[in-house]
Amino acid sequence: MPEASTDALTAHYRSLQHDWQVSDGSQSYGRLVVPNGNANRPFHRWFHLKEAYSSALLSQLLKDSGWIFDDDFRVFDPFSGSGTTLLSAIEVGAELPDLSISAVGIERNPFLCELGSAKVLGRIKGSALATDVDAAGRKVVAYLNGGVGALDVEIPHQSTLKNEKYFPRQNVLDLVALRHAIDEICATDDAVRSILRVCLASSVEACSQLRRDGRALRYAPQRDPRPAVPVFNERVASAVQDLMFTTPSSAAARIHYGDGRNPLVAAGDHSYDWIVFSPPYPNNIDYTEVYKTEAWILGCYESAQDMRKQRLSTVRSHPSVRFDLEYSYSMLDVAADVDRVVDPLIEAVPADRYAVGRREMIRGYTDDMFSTLKACRSLVSKNGRLAFIVGNSAHGSQNSSAFVIAADVLMGTLAELAGWRVVEIKIARQLKRRTSDSEFLRESVVVLEPV
């Protein structure tokens, strides 16, 4: 991209954020916008989600806002992922026993929805589930050893799972057999079944020569795939330990399978004190692809068409599939205002072979985030807050052609058009990329309040 275009885009971003408080929040939030500490915390450690944020982030937001609790505390997350926001809200209630906690989440990815739901269920029921999960896990392995593994179990019709360079064939057969055994043994106990299915999903990567690096699945030939059953046993033992030492909670919390861009039905007839979320970043990452092996092992997809349908139903944050070109904001009174915000980004896209996909992504992402923020505005309480965590991204291969999508500025401006006021942008981290040294290459926590 010519230097003049880069300068024009930077000037556009500076103009949009000119009247906002933009501060260095790295000391408080630099370690919180990533899953720092989650790997060692009960329930959070059941599955490593690299895209998650720290379980301590909600508490930091409440502290910085000087939040004063009433008798109840309602929290909503339209992109709940692995359930971090809901688990954190439950912990707030554990520290304030007289406080009534209600937390609702929405997640579009079927595997992540089950993951978050199982963790939330486990945290609420705690020690009351420990014995049942332990006993069911033992029955599943005994059932497998008793012959189910020798039955006519088929490898899913998915190329990665069929590739023996990535997965030993026996490992895939055992993983699928474990899923069938779980579904058979726990057919009448949804909570135990869901927790064991999450234990199974968290075993998948260790049984392969693949690793998730946050952007994609990578072949790791140096890895030694482990047999499925011992890994599964370890995951179950870890879950049982967390349950055993957890006092049950009176919190009401649930994650719905749905679309965070249209959350009104799942969110119910409530107003929320805090809405906290981290949407997919506009960074070309297709999370359906990143977590496909776990989803296929759990039976979330039965065909390539199922998976493609899932990809097409997600936020338009990447151009790896061609999404529809309908933009709901274009039918609203604010259409011209939204276009004035997004058109300079569209114009800054370099005219290369990726141009069409990038322009469609920017317009689609704008539409999706505006829909989300507009819907959330109708869900927040009069004195409530919304905080979103988002990373800006550099696109292009060289400084001369690279451009930055400043999602924090874009979403903050869209929020103002949807009835919010930007309280503050807290810059949590400055990001480093070979392709750009833009001041807007950063990851931020943006706090809003209703107008």
Protein backbone atom coordinates (compact mmCIF):
# COMPACT_ATOMS: atom_id res chain seq x y z
CA MET A 1 0.00 0.00 0.00
CA PRO A 2 1.48 3.42 -0.91
CA GLU A 3 2.78 5.48 2.02
CA ALA A 4 0.18 8.17 1.34
CA SER A 5 -2.60 5.61 1.81
CA THR A 6 -1.04 4.40 5.04
CA ASP A 7 -0.86 7.96 6.32
CA ALA A 8 -4.48 8.58 5.34
CA LEU A 9 -5.68 5.49 7.19
CA THR A 10 -3.68 6.42 10.29
CA ALA A 11 -5.16 9.91 10.18
CA HIS A 12 -8.63 8.40 9.88
CA TYR A 13 -8.11 6.28 12.99
CA ARG A 14 -6.67 9.21 14.92
CA SER A 15 -9.69 11.31 14.00
CA LEU A 16 -12.14 8.63 15.11
CA GLN A 17 -10.54 8.21 18.55
CA HIS A 18 -9.69 11.89 19.02
CA ASP A 19 -12.31 12.59 21.71
CA TRP A 20 -11.84 9.34 23.62
CA GLN A 21 -9.67 8.61 26.60
CA VAL A 22 -6.94 6.32 25.29
CA SER A 23 -4.58 5.11 27.98
CA ASP A 24 -1.72 2.72 28.56
CA GLY A 25 -3.38 -0.19 30.33
CA SER A 26 -0.48 -2.60 29.94
CA GLN A 27 0.37 -2.77 33.64
CA SER A 28 -3.13 -3.91 34.63
CA TYR A 29 -4.32 -5.64 31.46
CA GLY A 30 -1.26 -6.77 29.53
CA ARG A 31 -1.34 -10.18 31.22
CA LEU A 32 -5.14 -10.38 31.30
CA VAL A 33 -6.03 -10.25 27.60
CA VAL A 34 -4.32 -13.62 27.19
CA PRO A 35 -5.17 -16.81 29.16
CA ASN A 36 -2.51 -16.10 31.77
CA GLY A 37 -2.99 -18.35 34.79
CA ASN A 38 -5.90 -20.31 33.32
CA ALA A 39 -3.82 -23.46 32.77
CA ASN A 40 -3.41 -23.85 36.53
CA ARG A 41 -6.91 -22.92 37.61
CA PRO A 42 -9.66 -25.47 38.27
CA PHE A 43 -12.14 -25.87 35.39
CA HIS A 44 -10.30 -23.39 33.19
CA ARG A 45 -7.53 -25.97 32.80
CA TRP A 46 -9.85 -28.60 31.32
CA PHE A 47 -8.97 -27.39 27.81
CA HIS A 48 -6.36 -24.88 26.70
CA LEU A 49 -8.00 -22.24 24.54
CA LYS A 50 -5.19 -20.00 23.32
CA GLU A 51 -7.70 -17.33 22.26
CA ALA A 52 -9.19 -17.00 25.75
CA TYR A 53 -8.46 -14.21 28.18
CA SER A 54 -7.51 -14.51 31.83
CA SER A 55 -10.02 -15.58 34.44
CA ALA A 56 -8.90 -12.52 36.43
CA LEU A 57 -10.00 -9.99 33.80
CA LEU A 58 -13.59 -9.53 35.00
CA SER A 59 -12.43 -8.79 38.56
CA GLN A 60 -10.00 -6.18 37.24
CA LEU A 61 -12.75 -4.50 35.25
CA LEU A 62 -14.99 -4.36 38.32
CA LYS A 63 -12.16 -2.97 40.44
CA ASP A 64 -11.22 -0.26 37.95
CA SER A 65 -14.83 0.82 37.49
CA GLY A 66 -15.42 1.09 41.24
CA TRP A 67 -18.42 -1.15 40.75
CA ILE A 68 -20.87 -1.20 43.66
CA PHE A 69 -22.93 -4.39 43.91
CA ASP A 70 -26.65 -4.49 44.62
CA ASP A 71 -28.38 -7.68 45.72
CA ASP A 72 -27.81 -9.37 42.39
CA PHE A 73 -25.22 -9.25 39.61
CA ARG A 74 -26.06 -10.11 36.01
CA VAL A 75 -23.39 -10.79 33.38
CA PHE A 76 -23.73 -11.55 29.66
CA ASP A 77 -21.21 -12.76 27.06
CA PRO A 78 -22.39 -13.07 23.43
CA PHE A 79 -19.14 -14.80 22.34
CA SER A 80 -18.59 -17.06 25.32
CA GLY A 81 -15.93 -19.35 23.83
CA SER A 82 -14.70 -21.64 26.60
CA GLY A 83 -16.85 -19.93 29.24
CA THR A 84 -14.25 -17.71 30.96
CA THR A 85 -16.64 -14.81 31.58
CA LEU A 86 -19.30 -17.01 33.17
CA LEU A 87 -16.81 -18.89 35.33
CA SER A 88 -15.35 -15.57 36.49
CA ALA A 89 -18.82 -14.29 37.38
CA ILE A 90 -19.46 -17.40 39.46
CA GLU A 91 -16.20 -16.77 41.32
CA VAL A 92 -17.36 -13.23 42.11
CA GLY A 93 -20.36 -14.82 43.79
CA ALA A 94 -18.12 -17.23 45.71
CA GLU A 95 -16.26 -14.27 47.21
CA LEU A 96 -19.53 -12.44 48.04
CA PRO A 97 -21.87 -15.17 49.34
CA ASP A 98 -24.86 -12.85 49.78
CA LEU A 99 -24.72 -11.79 46.11
CA SER A 100 -27.08 -13.47 43.65
CA ILE A 101 -25.26 -14.29 40.39
CA SER A 102 -26.86 -14.74 36.99
CA ALA A 103 -24.65 -15.27 33.95
CA VAL A 104 -25.65 -16.03 30.36
CA GLY A 105 -23.45 -16.82 27.40
CA ILE A 106 -23.89 -17.58 23.71
CA GLU A 107 -21.51 -19.56 21.50
CA ARG A 108 -21.83 -20.50 17.84
CA ASN A 109 -19.10 -23.15 17.62
CA PRO A 110 -20.70 -26.45 18.74
CA PHE A 111 -17.53 -27.83 20.32
CA LEU A 112 -16.73 -24.61 22.21
CA CYS A 113 -20.35 -24.35 23.34
CA GLU A 114 -20.15 -27.84 24.87
CA LEU A 115 -16.75 -27.05 26.38
CA GLY A 116 -17.95 -23.89 28.09
CA SER A 117 -21.21 -25.48 29.19
CA ALA A 118 -19.43 -28.44 30.80
CA LYS A 119 -17.04 -26.17 32.69
CA VAL A 120 -19.90 -24.00 33.95
CA LEU A 121 -21.95 -27.03 34.99
CA GLY A 122 -18.94 -28.50 36.75
CA ARG A 123 -18.23 -25.27 38.62
CA ILE A 124 -21.84 -24.89 39.79
CA LYS A 125 -22.35 -28.50 40.92
CA GLY A 126 -18.79 -29.00 42.13
CA SER A 127 -18.27 -31.82 44.63
CA ALA A 128 -21.80 -33.10 44.05
CA LEU A 129 -20.63 -34.39 40.65
CA ALA A 130 -17.20 -35.73 41.56
CA THR A 131 -18.18 -39.31 42.42
CA ASP A 132 -20.48 -39.67 39.42
CA VAL A 133 -17.88 -38.39 36.94
CA ASP A 134 -15.20 -40.64 38.42
CA ALA A 135 -17.44 -43.71 38.32
CA ALA A 136 -18.66 -42.99 34.79
CA GLY A 137 -15.12 -42.46 33.53
CA ARG A 138 -14.10 -45.86 34.89
CA LYS A 139 -17.15 -47.51 33.33
CA VAL A 140 -16.36 -45.94 29.95
CA VAL A 141 -12.83 -47.34 29.91
CA ALA A 142 -14.05 -50.74 31.16
CA TYR A 143 -16.70 -50.75 28.45
CA LEU A 144 -14.07 -49.96 25.84
CA ASN A 145 -11.73 -52.65 27.14
CA GLY A 146 -14.64 -55.06 27.16
CA GLY A 147 -15.01 -54.99 23.42
CA VAL A 148 -16.58 -51.79 22.12
CA GLY A 149 -13.21 -50.84 20.64
CA ALA A 150 -13.37 -53.93 18.47
CA LEU A 151 -16.81 -53.04 17.12
CA ASP A 152 -17.36 -51.52 13.71
CA VAL A 153 -16.22 -48.03 14.67
CA GLU A 154 -15.50 -45.81 11.69
CA ILE A 155 -13.05 -42.97 11.37
CA PRO A 156 -14.99 -39.77 10.62
CA HIS A 157 -15.06 -38.66 7.00
CA GLN A 158 -12.52 -35.93 7.59
CA SER A 159 -9.17 -35.80 5.82
CA THR A 160 -7.05 -34.71 8.80
CA LEU A 161 -8.25 -37.58 10.98
CA LYS A 162 -7.70 -40.03 8.13
CA ASN A 163 -4.13 -38.85 7.51
CA GLU A 164 -1.85 -41.28 9.38
CA LYS A 165 1.00 -38.77 9.24
CA TYR A 166 -1.07 -36.68 11.66
CA PHE A 167 -2.98 -39.34 13.63
CA PRO A 168 -2.13 -43.01 14.15
CA ARG A 169 -5.14 -44.91 12.89
CA GLN A 170 -5.63 -46.79 16.18
CA ASN A 171 -5.69 -43.54 18.13
CA VAL A 172 -8.54 -42.19 16.03
CA LEU A 173 -10.47 -45.45 16.35
CA ASP A 174 -9.99 -45.40 20.13
CA LEU A 175 -11.06 -41.76 20.39
CA VAL A 176 -14.23 -42.44 18.44
CA ALA A 177 -14.87 -45.59 20.47
CA LEU A 178 -14.50 -43.59 23.68
CA ARG A 179 -17.09 -41.13 22.44
CA HIS A 180 -19.54 -43.96 21.69
CA ALA A 181 -18.86 -45.44 25.12
CA ILE A 182 -19.46 -42.09 26.85
CA ASP A 183 -22.72 -41.56 25.00
CA GLU A 184 -23.85 -45.09 25.92
CA ILE A 185 -22.82 -45.05 29.59
CA CYS A 186 -24.03 -41.51 30.30
CA ALA A 187 -27.16 -41.45 28.19
CA THR A 188 -29.34 -40.32 31.10
CA ASP A 189 -26.95 -37.85 32.78
CA ASP A 190 -26.25 -34.83 30.60
CA ALA A 191 -23.86 -33.15 33.05
CA VAL A 192 -21.59 -36.18 33.47
CA ARG A 193 -21.76 -36.95 29.76
CA SER A 194 -20.76 -33.43 28.82
CA ILE A 195 -17.82 -33.34 31.22
CA LEU A 196 -16.49 -36.68 29.96
CA ARG A 197 -16.88 -35.52 26.35
CA VAL A 198 -14.77 -32.48 27.20
CA CYS A 199 -12.17 -34.77 28.77
CA LEU A 200 -12.19 -36.71 25.50
CA ALA A 201 -11.84 -33.56 23.41
CA SER A 202 -8.91 -32.39 25.49
CA SER A 203 -7.19 -35.72 24.72
CA VAL A 204 -7.28 -35.30 20.93
CA GLU A 205 -4.21 -33.11 20.39
CA ALA A 206 -1.98 -35.30 22.59
CA CYS A 207 -2.92 -38.32 20.43
CA SER A 208 -1.63 -36.65 17.27
CA GLN A 209 1.35 -35.00 15.65
CA LEU A 210 -0.56 -31.74 15.35
CA ARG A 211 -0.56 -28.66 17.52
CA ARG A 212 -2.66 -25.54 17.60
CA ASP A 213 -0.58 -22.37 17.46
CA GLY A 214 -3.49 -19.93 17.71
CA ARG A 215 -3.75 -19.46 13.95
CA ALA A 216 -4.05 -22.97 12.57
CA LEU A 217 -3.26 -26.63 13.08
CA ARG A 218 0.44 -27.28 12.47
CA TYR A 219 2.21 -30.54 11.74
CA ALA A 220 4.73 -31.25 14.51
CA PRO A 221 6.78 -34.29 13.40
CA GLN A 222 8.86 -34.22 16.58
CA ARG A 223 5.83 -35.04 18.71
CA ASP A 224 5.21 -38.59 19.88
CA PRO A 225 1.45 -39.32 19.78
CA ARG A 226 0.18 -40.88 22.99
CA PRO A 227 -2.41 -43.68 23.20
CA ALA A 228 -5.94 -42.37 23.68
CA VAL A 229 -7.08 -44.25 26.79
CA PRO A 230 -4.24 -43.23 29.16
CA VAL A 231 -4.61 -39.59 28.10
CA PHE A 232 -8.37 -39.75 28.62
CA ASN A 233 -7.85 -41.25 32.09
CA GLU A 234 -5.53 -38.38 33.01
CA ARG A 235 -8.05 -35.77 31.84
CA VAL A 236 -10.85 -37.43 33.81
CA ALA A 237 -8.70 -37.59 36.95
CA SER A 238 -7.91 -33.88 36.63
CA ALA A 239 -11.61 -33.00 36.23
CA VAL A 240 -12.58 -35.16 39.21
CA GLN A 241 -9.95 -33.46 41.35
CA ASP A 242 -11.35 -30.02 40.48
CA LEU A 243 -14.89 -31.15 41.23
CA MET A 244 -13.96 -32.85 44.48
CA PHE A 245 -12.51 -29.72 46.04
CA THR A 246 -15.17 -27.28 44.81
CA THR A 247 -18.08 -26.16 46.95
CA PRO A 248 -21.29 -26.10 44.87
CA SER A 249 -22.50 -22.65 43.82
CA SER A 250 -26.00 -21.18 43.89
CA ALA A 251 -25.26 -19.12 40.75
CA ALA A 252 -27.54 -19.42 37.75
CA ALA A 253 -25.38 -19.71 34.64
CA ARG A 254 -25.88 -21.16 31.19
CA ILE A 255 -24.31 -21.04 27.74
CA HIS A 256 -26.71 -21.23 24.80
CA TYR A 257 -25.85 -22.55 21.36
CA GLY A 258 -26.68 -19.58 19.18
CA ASP A 259 -25.47 -16.46 17.43
CA GLY A 260 -23.97 -13.62 19.47
CA ARG A 261 -24.83 -11.18 16.70
CA ASN A 262 -28.52 -11.82 17.40
CA PRO A 263 -28.58 -12.55 21.12
CA LEU A 264 -31.98 -11.26 22.19
CA VAL A 265 -33.82 -14.59 22.39
CA ALA A 266 -31.06 -16.43 24.26
CA ALA A 267 -30.40 -13.47 26.57
CA GLY A 268 -34.01 -13.44 27.73
CA ASP A 269 -36.05 -10.59 29.15
CA HIS A 270 -33.28 -9.30 31.40
CA SER A 271 -31.00 -6.32 31.72
CA TYR A 272 -27.36 -6.99 32.48
CA ASP A 273 -24.96 -5.12 34.72
CA TRP A 274 -21.91 -6.08 32.69
CA ILE A 275 -21.58 -7.38 29.15
CA VAL A 276 -18.07 -8.71 28.59
CA PHE A 277 -16.82 -10.40 25.46
CA SER A 278 -13.99 -10.92 23.04
CA PRO A 279 -15.24 -11.34 19.47
CA PRO A 280 -13.27 -13.10 16.76
CA TYR A 281 -10.57 -10.69 15.62
CA PRO A 282 -10.45 -9.63 11.95
CA ASN A 283 -7.18 -11.51 11.47
CA ASN A 284 -7.90 -14.23 8.89
CA ILE A 285 -8.23 -17.01 11.50
CA ASP A 286 -11.04 -19.51 10.91
CA TYR A 287 -11.78 -20.97 14.35
CA THR A 288 -14.01 -23.65 12.85
CA GLU A 289 -10.85 -24.95 11.19
CA VAL A 290 -8.63 -24.57 14.27
CA TYR A 291 -10.89 -26.74 16.44
CA LYS A 292 -12.17 -29.09 13.76
CA THR A 293 -10.49 -32.28 15.02
CA GLU A 294 -12.15 -32.02 18.45
CA ALA A 295 -15.50 -31.23 16.83
CA TRP A 296 -15.30 -34.20 14.46
CA ILE A 297 -14.26 -36.61 17.23
CA LEU A 298 -17.25 -35.47 19.31
CA GLY A 299 -19.57 -35.98 16.34
CA CYS A 300 -20.48 -32.31 15.91
CA TYR A 301 -20.21 -32.78 12.13
CA GLU A 302 -21.17 -35.77 10.05
CA SER A 303 -20.11 -34.45 6.66
CA ALA A 304 -18.00 -31.82 4.97
CA GLN A 305 -21.25 -30.02 4.20
CA ASP A 306 -22.02 -29.81 7.92
CA MET A 307 -18.66 -28.21 8.59
CA ARG A 308 -18.99 -25.79 5.71
CA LYS A 309 -22.43 -24.77 6.96
CA GLN A 310 -20.88 -24.09 10.36
CA ARG A 311 -18.11 -21.96 8.83
CA LEU A 312 -20.64 -19.90 6.89
CA SER A 313 -22.68 -19.25 10.05
CA THR A 314 -19.81 -17.61 11.96
CA VAL A 315 -18.61 -14.02 12.27
CA ARG A 316 -17.18 -12.68 9.03
CA SER A 317 -13.68 -12.23 10.45
CA HIS A 318 -11.78 -14.08 7.74
CA PRO A 319 -11.96 -14.51 3.94
CA SER A 320 -11.33 -18.27 3.86
CA VAL A 321 -14.92 -18.82 2.75
CA ARG A 322 -17.10 -16.53 0.68
CA PHE A 323 -19.77 -15.18 2.98
CA ASP A 324 -22.99 -13.56 1.86
CA LEU A 325 -22.76 -9.94 0.78
CA GLU A 326 -25.84 -8.71 2.63
CA TYR A 327 -25.21 -6.06 5.27
CA SER A 328 -28.04 -5.40 7.69
CA TYR A 329 -26.80 -1.94 8.68
CA SER A 330 -27.41 -0.73 5.11
CA MET A 331 -31.16 -0.77 5.82
CA LEU A 332 -30.84 1.48 8.89
CA ASP A 333 -30.80 5.25 9.33
CA VAL A 334 -27.14 5.11 10.34
CA ALA A 335 -26.03 3.46 7.07
CA ALA A 336 -24.32 6.58 5.73
CA ASP A 337 -22.52 7.11 9.04
CA VAL A 338 -21.27 3.53 9.09
CA ASP A 339 -20.05 3.88 5.52
CA ARG A 340 -18.10 7.01 6.45
CA VAL A 341 -16.35 4.97 9.13
CA VAL A 342 -15.56 1.92 7.03
CA ASP A 343 -15.01 3.31 3.53
CA PRO A 344 -11.46 4.59 4.27
CA LEU A 345 -10.53 1.04 5.37
CA ILE A 346 -11.96 -0.40 2.16
CA GLU A 347 -10.05 2.15 0.10
CA ALA A 348 -6.80 1.29 1.91
CA VAL A 349 -6.89 -2.36 0.84
CA PRO A 350 -4.02 -3.00 -1.61
CA ALA A 351 -5.09 -3.92 -5.12
CA ASP A 352 -3.68 -7.45 -5.10
CA ARG A 353 -5.11 -10.96 -5.44
CA TYR A 354 -6.49 -10.81 -1.89
CA ALA A 355 -8.26 -7.49 -2.35
CA VAL A 356 -11.79 -8.80 -2.98
CA GLY A 357 -11.75 -11.15 0.00
CA ARG A 358 -10.30 -8.51 2.32
CA ARG A 359 -12.85 -5.89 1.33
CA GLU A 360 -15.69 -8.33 1.84
CA MET A 361 -14.27 -9.31 5.23
CA ILE A 362 -13.99 -5.69 6.40
CA ARG A 363 -17.55 -4.86 5.34
CA GLY A 364 -18.91 -8.12 6.80
CA TYR A 365 -17.03 -7.70 10.08
CA THR A 366 -18.33 -4.15 10.38
CA ASP A 367 -21.88 -5.38 9.88
CA ASP A 368 -21.50 -8.21 12.38
CA MET A 369 -19.98 -6.04 15.10
CA PHE A 370 -22.58 -3.32 14.64
CA SER A 371 -25.36 -5.92 14.96
CA THR A 372 -23.75 -7.24 18.15
CA LEU A 373 -23.26 -3.84 19.75
CA LYS A 374 -26.74 -2.67 18.80
CA ALA A 375 -28.37 -5.77 20.28
CA CYS A 376 -26.27 -5.51 23.45
CA ARG A 377 -27.37 -1.91 23.92
CA SER A 378 -30.92 -3.13 24.49
CA LEU A 379 -29.70 -5.67 27.06
CA VAL A 380 -27.63 -3.47 29.36
CA SER A 381 -28.98 -1.96 32.57
CA LYS A 382 -29.25 1.81 32.95
CA ASN A 383 -25.98 2.05 34.88
CA GLY A 384 -24.36 -0.98 33.29
CA ARG A 385 -21.13 -1.36 31.34
CA LEU A 386 -19.87 -3.23 28.33
CA ALA A 387 -16.25 -4.21 27.85
CA PHE A 388 -14.82 -5.92 24.81
CA ILE A 389 -11.32 -7.21 24.21
CA VAL A 390 -10.07 -7.07 20.66
CA GLY A 391 -6.78 -7.15 18.80
CA ASN A 392 -5.99 -5.07 15.75
CA SER A 393 -4.37 -6.85 12.84
CA ALA A 394 -1.86 -6.17 10.08
CA HIS A 395 -2.61 -7.47 6.61
CA GLY A 396 -0.18 -7.67 3.73
CA SER A 397 3.34 -8.99 3.38
CA GLN A 398 5.48 -5.86 3.31
CA ASN A 399 5.51 -2.41 4.88
CA SER A 400 4.72 -0.95 1.49
CA SER A 401 1.56 -3.05 1.13
CA ALA A 402 0.58 -3.69 4.76
CA PHE A 403 -2.42 -2.03 6.33
CA VAL A 404 -3.90 -2.31 9.81
CA ILE A 405 -7.51 -3.01 10.67
CA ALA A 406 -7.91 -1.11 13.95
CA ALA A 407 -10.81 -3.15 15.28
CA ASP A 408 -10.83 -1.31 18.62
CA VAL A 409 -11.36 2.05 16.92
CA LEU A 410 -13.79 0.61 14.39
CA MET A 411 -15.91 -1.07 17.06
CA GLY A 412 -15.76 1.92 19.38
CA THR A 413 -17.12 4.15 16.62
CA LEU A 414 -19.82 1.62 15.72
CA ALA A 415 -20.74 1.45 19.41
CA GLU A 416 -21.35 5.20 19.47
CA LEU A 417 -23.67 4.82 16.48
CA ALA A 418 -25.49 2.06 18.38
CA GLY A 419 -26.18 4.14 21.51
CA TRP A 420 -23.03 3.74 23.58
CA ARG A 421 -20.36 6.11 24.82
CA VAL A 422 -16.71 5.10 24.79
CA VAL A 423 -15.49 5.48 28.37
CA GLU A 424 -11.93 4.44 27.65
CA ILE A 425 -9.64 2.45 25.43
CA LYS A 426 -7.10 0.67 27.59
CA ILE A 427 -4.17 -0.41 25.43
CA ALA A 428 -3.19 -3.75 26.92
CA ARG A 429 -0.42 -4.70 24.51
CA GLN A 430 1.43 -3.22 21.57
CA LEU A 431 1.74 -5.96 18.97
CA LYS A 432 4.81 -6.56 16.87
CA ARG A 433 4.65 -7.64 13.26
CA ARG A 434 7.33 -7.68 10.60
CA THR A 435 4.90 -6.15 8.15
CA SER A 436 3.91 -3.06 10.13
CA ASP A 437 5.07 -0.62 12.77
CA SER A 438 1.71 1.16 13.02
CA GLU A 439 0.80 2.81 16.33
CA PHE A 440 -2.60 1.11 15.96
CA LEU A 441 -1.17 -2.39 15.95
CA ARG A 442 -2.34 -3.21 19.47
CA GLU A 443 -4.69 -5.27 21.62
CA SER A 444 -7.12 -3.28 23.70
CA VAL A 445 -9.84 -3.42 26.32
CA VAL A 446 -12.59 -0.99 25.35
CA VAL A 447 -15.11 0.05 28.00
CA LEU A 448 -18.53 1.44 27.04
CA GLU A 449 -21.50 2.83 28.90
CA PRO A 450 -25.02 3.36 27.60
CA VAL A 451 -26.02 6.84 26.49
